PDB file of N, CA and C in Angstrom:
ATOM      1  N   UNK A   1       9.341  -8.006 -11.006  1.00  0.00           N
ATOM      2  CA  UNK A   1       9.012  -6.922 -10.107  1.00  0.00           C
ATOM      3  C   UNK A   1       8.166  -5.897 -10.871  1.00  0.00           C
ATOM      4  N   UNK A   2       7.059  -5.497 -10.275  1.00  0.00           N
ATOM      5  CA  UNK A   2       6.214  -4.471 -10.890  1.00  0.00           C
ATOM      6  C   UNK A   2       5.907  -3.384  -9.859  1.00  0.00           C
ATOM      7  N   UNK A   3       5.454  -2.258 -10.352  1.00  0.00           N
ATOM      8  CA  UNK A   3       5.027  -1.171  -9.482  1.00  0.00           C
ATOM      9  C   UNK A   3       3.511  -1.055  -9.589  1.00  0.00           C
ATOM     10  N   UNK A   4       2.864  -0.994  -8.430  1.00  0.00           N
ATOM     11  CA  UNK A   4       1.416  -0.863  -8.371  1.00  0.00           C
ATOM     12  C   UNK A   4       1.082   0.375  -7.569  1.00  0.00           C
ATOM     13  N   UNK A   5       0.053   1.094  -8.009  1.00  0.00           N
ATOM     14  CA  UNK A   5      -0.414   2.260  -7.273  1.00  0.00           C
ATOM     15  C   UNK A   5      -1.784   1.941  -6.692  1.00  0.00           C
ATOM     16  N   UNK A   6      -1.899   2.124  -5.390  1.00  0.00           N
ATOM     17  CA  UNK A   6      -3.177   1.979  -4.704  1.00  0.00           C
ATOM     18  C   UNK A   6      -3.646   3.361  -4.295  1.00  0.00           C
ATOM     19  N   UNK A   7      -4.936   3.511  -4.065  1.00  0.00           N
ATOM     20  CA  UNK A   7      -5.512   4.779  -3.607  1.00  0.00           C
ATOM     21  C   UNK A   7      -6.268   4.540  -2.310  1.00  0.00           C
ATOM     22  N   UNK A   8      -6.230   5.541  -1.432  1.00  0.00           N
ATOM     23  CA  UNK A   8      -7.008   5.504  -0.205  1.00  0.00           C
ATOM     24  C   UNK A   8      -7.510   6.894   0.103  1.00  0.00           C
ATOM     25  N   UNK A   9      -8.745   6.981   0.538  1.00  0.00           N
ATOM     26  CA  UNK A   9      -9.335   8.263   0.930  1.00  0.00           C
ATOM     27  C   UNK A   9      -9.465   8.367   2.442  1.00  0.00           C
ATOM     28  N   UNK A  10      -8.842   7.457   3.154  1.00  0.00           N
ATOM     29  CA  UNK A  10      -9.070   7.345   4.589  1.00  0.00           C
ATOM     30  C   UNK A  10      -7.950   7.896   5.470  1.00  0.00           C
ATOM     31  N   UNK A  11      -6.971   8.558   4.899  1.00  0.00           N
ATOM     32  CA  UNK A  11      -5.873   9.058   5.712  1.00  0.00           C
ATOM     33  C   UNK A  11      -6.345  10.252   6.526  1.00  0.00           C
ATOM     34  N   UNK A  12      -6.153  10.172   7.837  1.00  0.00           N
ATOM     35  CA  UNK A  12      -6.587  11.267   8.707  1.00  0.00           C
ATOM     36  C   UNK A  12      -5.423  11.963   9.399  1.00  0.00           C
ATOM     37  N   UNK A  13      -4.290  11.275   9.493  1.00  0.00           N
ATOM     38  CA  UNK A  13      -3.131  11.892  10.133  1.00  0.00           C
ATOM     39  C   UNK A  13      -1.859  11.293   9.544  1.00  0.00           C
ATOM     40  N   UNK A  14      -0.771  12.046   9.600  1.00  0.00           N
ATOM     41  CA  UNK A  14       0.480  11.556   8.998  1.00  0.00           C
ATOM     42  C   UNK A  14       1.024  10.271   9.629  1.00  0.00           C
ATOM     43  N   UNK A  15       0.616   9.927  10.834  1.00  0.00           N
ATOM     44  CA  UNK A  15       1.141   8.706  11.456  1.00  0.00           C
ATOM     45  C   UNK A  15       0.701   7.452  10.706  1.00  0.00           C
ATOM     46  N   UNK A  16      -0.408   7.545   9.954  1.00  0.00           N
ATOM     47  CA  UNK A  16      -0.851   6.375   9.200  1.00  0.00           C
ATOM     48  C   UNK A  16       0.140   6.037   8.088  1.00  0.00           C
ATOM     49  N   UNK A  17       0.885   7.009   7.620  1.00  0.00           N
ATOM     50  CA  UNK A  17       1.872   6.787   6.562  1.00  0.00           C
ATOM     51  C   UNK A  17       2.883   5.732   7.007  1.00  0.00           C
ATOM     52  N   UNK A  18       3.467   5.918   8.156  1.00  0.00           N
ATOM     53  CA  UNK A  18       4.474   4.993   8.666  1.00  0.00           C
ATOM     54  C   UNK A  18       3.866   3.618   8.922  1.00  0.00           C
ATOM     55  N   UNK A  19       2.673   3.594   9.484  1.00  0.00           N
ATOM     56  CA  UNK A  19       1.998   2.333   9.794  1.00  0.00           C
ATOM     57  C   UNK A  19       1.779   1.505   8.527  1.00  0.00           C
ATOM     58  N   UNK A  20       1.295   2.143   7.471  1.00  0.00           N
ATOM     59  CA  UNK A  20       1.029   1.434   6.214  1.00  0.00           C
ATOM     60  C   UNK A  20       2.331   1.023   5.534  1.00  0.00           C
ATOM     61  N   UNK A  21       3.312   1.932   5.496  1.00  0.00           N
ATOM     62  CA  UNK A  21       4.598   1.597   4.870  1.00  0.00           C
ATOM     63  C   UNK A  21       5.253   0.407   5.559  1.00  0.00           C
ATOM     64  N   UNK A  22       5.224   0.378   6.895  1.00  0.00           N
ATOM     65  CA  UNK A  22       5.833  -0.742   7.629  1.00  0.00           C
ATOM     66  C   UNK A  22       5.093  -2.047   7.360  1.00  0.00           C
ATOM     67  N   UNK A  23       3.765  -1.992   7.338  1.00  0.00           N
ATOM     68  CA  UNK A  23       2.978  -3.206   7.087  1.00  0.00           C
ATOM     69  C   UNK A  23       3.259  -3.755   5.693  1.00  0.00           C
ATOM     70  N   UNK A  24       3.297  -2.880   4.697  1.00  0.00           N
ATOM     71  CA  UNK A  24       3.578  -3.335   3.336  1.00  0.00           C
ATOM     72  C   UNK A  24       5.014  -3.834   3.202  1.00  0.00           C
ATOM     73  N   UNK A  25       5.962  -3.130   3.790  1.00  0.00           N
ATOM     74  CA  UNK A  25       7.377  -3.525   3.690  1.00  0.00           C
ATOM     75  C   UNK A  25       7.620  -4.897   4.322  1.00  0.00           C
ATOM     76  N   UNK A  26       6.808  -5.266   5.314  1.00  0.00           N
ATOM     77  CA  UNK A  26       6.962  -6.558   5.985  1.00  0.00           C
ATOM     78  C   UNK A  26       6.305  -7.702   5.213  1.00  0.00           C
ATOM     79  N   UNK A  27       5.623  -7.374   4.134  1.00  0.00           N
ATOM     80  CA  UNK A  27       4.927  -8.376   3.334  1.00  0.00           C
ATOM     81  C   UNK A  27       5.910  -9.070   2.391  1.00  0.00           C
ATOM     82  N   UNK A  28       5.956 -10.411   2.421  1.00  0.00           N
ATOM     83  CA  UNK A  28       6.850 -11.127   1.507  1.00  0.00           C
ATOM     84  C   UNK A  28       6.548 -10.754   0.052  1.00  0.00           C
ATOM     85  N   UNK A  29       7.589 -10.442  -0.701  1.00  0.00           N
ATOM     86  CA  UNK A  29       7.441 -10.077  -2.096  1.00  0.00           C
ATOM     87  C   UNK A  29       7.422  -8.582  -2.349  1.00  0.00           C
ATOM     88  N   UNK A  30       7.279  -7.791  -1.288  1.00  0.00           N
ATOM     89  CA  UNK A  30       7.278  -6.335  -1.427  1.00  0.00           C
ATOM     90  C   UNK A  30       8.695  -5.823  -1.212  1.00  0.00           C
ATOM     91  N   UNK A  31       9.210  -5.038  -2.163  1.00  0.00           N
ATOM     92  CA  UNK A  31      10.559  -4.502  -2.017  1.00  0.00           C
ATOM     93  C   UNK A  31      10.559  -3.061  -1.527  1.00  0.00           C
ATOM     94  N   UNK A  32       9.477  -2.316  -1.812  1.00  0.00           N
ATOM     95  CA  UNK A  32       9.382  -0.959  -1.274  1.00  0.00           C
ATOM     96  C   UNK A  32       7.937  -0.500  -1.282  1.00  0.00           C
ATOM     97  N   UNK A  33       7.648   0.428  -0.372  1.00  0.00           N
ATOM     98  CA  UNK A  33       6.309   1.005  -0.288  1.00  0.00           C
ATOM     99  C   UNK A  33       6.450   2.467   0.106  1.00  0.00           C
ATOM    100  N   UNK A  34       5.751   3.327  -0.606  1.00  0.00           N
ATOM    101  CA  UNK A  34       5.792   4.764  -0.332  1.00  0.00           C
ATOM    102  C   UNK A  34       4.358   5.278  -0.296  1.00  0.00           C
ATOM    103  N   UNK A  35       3.988   5.891   0.830  1.00  0.00           N
ATOM    104  CA  UNK A  35       2.652   6.450   0.988  1.00  0.00           C
ATOM    105  C   UNK A  35       2.738   7.963   0.875  1.00  0.00           C
ATOM    106  N   UNK A  36       1.877   8.524   0.037  1.00  0.00           N
ATOM    107  CA  UNK A  36       1.793   9.978  -0.128  1.00  0.00           C
ATOM    108  C   UNK A  36       0.534  10.453   0.588  1.00  0.00           C
ATOM    109  N   UNK A  37       0.725  11.006   1.764  1.00  0.00           N
ATOM    110  CA  UNK A  37      -0.388  11.393   2.629  1.00  0.00           C
ATOM    111  C   UNK A  37      -1.345  12.365   1.946  1.00  0.00           C
ATOM    112  N   UNK A  38      -0.811  13.403   1.312  1.00  0.00           N
ATOM    113  CA  UNK A  38      -1.657  14.458   0.739  1.00  0.00           C
ATOM    114  C   UNK A  38      -2.533  13.985  -0.411  1.00  0.00           C
ATOM    115  N   UNK A  39      -2.073  13.006  -1.170  1.00  0.00           N
ATOM    116  CA  UNK A  39      -2.832  12.555  -2.341  1.00  0.00           C
ATOM    117  C   UNK A  39      -3.543  11.226  -2.129  1.00  0.00           C
ATOM    118  N   UNK A  40      -3.247  10.528  -1.036  1.00  0.00           N
ATOM    119  CA  UNK A  40      -3.853   9.218  -0.806  1.00  0.00           C
ATOM    120  C   UNK A  40      -3.297   8.140  -1.712  1.00  0.00           C
ATOM    121  N   UNK A  41      -2.117   8.393  -2.241  1.00  0.00           N
ATOM    122  CA  UNK A  41      -1.473   7.473  -3.188  1.00  0.00           C
ATOM    123  C   UNK A  41      -0.493   6.561  -2.446  1.00  0.00           C
ATOM    124  N   UNK A  42      -0.556   5.281  -2.741  1.00  0.00           N
ATOM    125  CA  UNK A  42       0.345   4.296  -2.143  1.00  0.00           C
ATOM    126  C   UNK A  42       1.060   3.599  -3.300  1.00  0.00           C
ATOM    127  N   UNK A  43       2.370   3.780  -3.387  1.00  0.00           N
ATOM    128  CA  UNK A  43       3.163   3.174  -4.457  1.00  0.00           C
ATOM    129  C   UNK A  43       3.912   1.980  -3.885  1.00  0.00           C
ATOM    130  N   UNK A  44       3.741   0.829  -4.526  1.00  0.00           N
ATOM    131  CA  UNK A  44       4.345  -0.403  -4.024  1.00  0.00           C
ATOM    132  C   UNK A  44       5.107  -1.101  -5.145  1.00  0.00           C
ATOM    133  N   UNK A  45       6.369  -1.418  -4.883  1.00  0.00           N
ATOM    134  CA  UNK A  45       7.162  -2.249  -5.785  1.00  0.00           C
ATOM    135  C   UNK A  45       7.101  -3.665  -5.224  1.00  0.00           C
ATOM    136  N   UNK A  46       6.651  -4.608  -6.049  1.00  0.00           N
ATOM    137  CA  UNK A  46       6.441  -5.959  -5.529  1.00  0.00           C
ATOM    138  C   UNK A  46       6.524  -7.009  -6.619  1.00  0.00           C
ATOM    139  N   UNK A  47       6.662  -8.253  -6.180  1.00  0.00           N
ATOM    140  CA  UNK A  47       6.632  -9.412  -7.057  1.00  0.00           C
ATOM    141  C   UNK A  47       5.177  -9.882  -7.106  1.00  0.00           C
ATOM    142  N   UNK A  48       4.521  -9.796  -8.257  1.00  0.00           N
ATOM    143  CA  UNK A  48       3.108 -10.155  -8.319  1.00  0.00           C
ATOM    144  C   UNK A  48       2.821 -11.624  -8.019  1.00  0.00           C
ATOM    145  N   UNK A  49       3.811 -12.474  -8.132  1.00  0.00           N
ATOM    146  CA  UNK A  49       3.608 -13.895  -7.839  1.00  0.00           C
ATOM    147  C   UNK A  49       3.482 -14.138  -6.340  1.00  0.00           C
ATOM    148  N   UNK A  50       4.303 -13.468  -5.548  1.00  0.00           N
ATOM    149  CA  UNK A  50       4.260 -13.689  -4.099  1.00  0.00           C
ATOM    150  C   UNK A  50       3.472 -12.622  -3.349  1.00  0.00           C
ATOM    151  N   UNK A  51       3.249 -11.477  -3.987  1.00  0.00           N
ATOM    152  CA  UNK A  51       2.468 -10.401  -3.363  1.00  0.00           C
ATOM    153  C   UNK A  51       1.550  -9.773  -4.410  1.00  0.00           C
ATOM    154  N   UNK A  52       0.450 -10.475  -4.755  1.00  0.00           N
ATOM    155  CA  UNK A  52      -0.469  -9.915  -5.742  1.00  0.00           C
ATOM    156  C   UNK A  52      -1.198  -8.683  -5.197  1.00  0.00           C
ATOM    157  N   UNK A  53      -1.828  -7.939  -6.080  1.00  0.00           N
ATOM    158  CA  UNK A  53      -2.503  -6.698  -5.691  1.00  0.00           C
ATOM    159  C   UNK A  53      -3.527  -6.945  -4.588  1.00  0.00           C
ATOM    160  N   UNK A  54      -4.270  -8.053  -4.674  1.00  0.00           N
ATOM    161  CA  UNK A  54      -5.281  -8.315  -3.636  1.00  0.00           C
ATOM    162  C   UNK A  54      -4.630  -8.474  -2.256  1.00  0.00           C
ATOM    163  N   UNK A  55      -3.419  -8.999  -2.211  1.00  0.00           N
ATOM    164  CA  UNK A  55      -2.698  -9.111  -0.948  1.00  0.00           C
ATOM    165  C   UNK A  55      -2.312  -7.729  -0.429  1.00  0.00           C
ATOM    166  N   UNK A  56      -1.862  -6.858  -1.318  1.00  0.00           N
ATOM    167  CA  UNK A  56      -1.487  -5.500  -0.910  1.00  0.00           C
ATOM    168  C   UNK A  56      -2.687  -4.772  -0.318  1.00  0.00           C
ATOM    169  N   UNK A  57      -3.844  -4.899  -0.968  1.00  0.00           N
ATOM    170  CA  UNK A  57      -5.066  -4.264  -0.467  1.00  0.00           C
ATOM    171  C   UNK A  57      -5.420  -4.832   0.917  1.00  0.00           C
ATOM    172  N   UNK A  58      -5.272  -6.146   1.088  1.00  0.00           N
ATOM    173  CA  UNK A  58      -5.560  -6.779   2.380  1.00  0.00           C
ATOM    174  C   UNK A  58      -4.624  -6.301   3.481  1.00  0.00           C
ATOM    175  N   UNK A  59      -3.356  -6.106   3.142  1.00  0.00           N
ATOM    176  CA  UNK A  59      -2.379  -5.629   4.126  1.00  0.00           C
ATOM    177  C   UNK A  59      -2.743  -4.216   4.587  1.00  0.00           C
ATOM    178  N   UNK A  60      -3.107  -3.358   3.644  1.00  0.00           N
ATOM    179  CA  UNK A  60      -3.508  -1.991   4.003  1.00  0.00           C
ATOM    180  C   UNK A  60      -4.773  -2.041   4.868  1.00  0.00           C
ATOM    181  N   UNK A  61      -5.695  -2.920   4.513  1.00  0.00           N
ATOM    182  CA  UNK A  61      -6.932  -3.062   5.288  1.00  0.00           C
ATOM    183  C   UNK A  61      -6.632  -3.540   6.702  1.00  0.00           C
ATOM    184  N   UNK A  62      -5.715  -4.487   6.834  1.00  0.00           N
ATOM    185  CA  UNK A  62      -5.368  -5.001   8.161  1.00  0.00           C
ATOM    186  C   UNK A  62      -4.674  -3.950   9.008  1.00  0.00           C
ATOM    187  N   UNK A  63      -4.081  -2.938   8.351  1.00  0.00           N
ATOM    188  CA  UNK A  63      -3.465  -1.823   9.079  1.00  0.00           C
ATOM    189  C   UNK A  63      -4.532  -0.808   9.506  1.00  0.00           C
ATOM    190  N   UNK A  64      -5.766  -1.013   9.043  1.00  0.00           N
ATOM    191  CA  UNK A  64      -6.859  -0.156   9.466  1.00  0.00           C
ATOM    192  C   UNK A  64      -7.336   0.863   8.450  1.00  0.00           C
ATOM    193  N   UNK A  65      -6.940   0.681   7.181  1.00  0.00           N
ATOM    194  CA  UNK A  65      -7.291   1.665   6.151  1.00  0.00           C
ATOM    195  C   UNK A  65      -7.790   0.965   4.906  1.00  0.00           C
ATOM    196  N   UNK A  66      -8.715   1.563   4.223  1.00  0.00           N
ATOM    197  CA  UNK A  66      -9.188   1.014   2.959  1.00  0.00           C
ATOM    198  C   UNK A  66      -8.250   1.408   1.833  1.00  0.00           C
ATOM    199  N   UNK A  67      -8.174   0.565   0.818  1.00  0.00           N
ATOM    200  CA  UNK A  67      -7.359   0.883  -0.365  1.00  0.00           C
ATOM    201  C   UNK A  67      -7.948   0.156  -1.551  1.00  0.00           C
ATOM    202  N   UNK A  68      -7.655   0.668  -2.719  1.00  0.00           N
ATOM    203  CA  UNK A  68      -8.109   0.049  -3.953  1.00  0.00           C
ATOM    204  C   UNK A  68      -7.048   0.316  -5.021  1.00  0.00           C
ATOM    205  N   UNK A  69      -6.970  -0.557  -6.023  1.00  0.00           N
ATOM    206  CA  UNK A  69      -6.029  -0.289  -7.108  1.00  0.00           C
ATOM    207  C   UNK A  69      -6.413   1.025  -7.819  1.00  0.00           C
ATOM    208  N   UNK A  70      -5.432   1.807  -8.163  1.00  0.00           N
ATOM    209  CA  UNK A  70      -5.686   3.080  -8.842  1.00  0.00           C
ATOM    210  C   UNK A  70      -6.084   2.827 -10.285  1.00  0.00           C
ATOM    211  N   UNK A  71      -7.010   3.623 -10.773  1.00  0.00           N
ATOM    212  CA  UNK A  71      -7.446   3.489 -12.159  1.00  0.00           C
ATOM    213  C   UNK A  71      -6.487   4.215 -13.113  1.00  0.00           C
ATOM    214  N   UNK A  72      -5.614   5.043 -12.572  1.00  0.00           N
ATOM    215  CA  UNK A  72      -4.660   5.791 -13.396  1.00  0.00           C
ATOM    216  C   UNK A  72      -3.352   5.921 -12.690  1.00  0.00           C
TER     217      UNK A  72
END
C-alpha cells in the first residue's frame, strides 16, 4: 500500500470533492481517497499493483476533472 498525491486545477465547486472521492473509492485497489478542494490536492492510499497512478488519473478524468501526479 502506498500513498500518492495528485493535483488538479479544475475544481470549481465543493460538490466535485464528493464525486471524485466516490469514484476513486470505488476503484479496485484504492483503500482511501481524500480531496482537498482549496488546494487541488487529491491524496490516495492504494495498491500500486492493482491501482497504478495512471489508473488513478484516468478515474479522476472519467469523473470530469483533470489530474496529474504531484511533483512534491
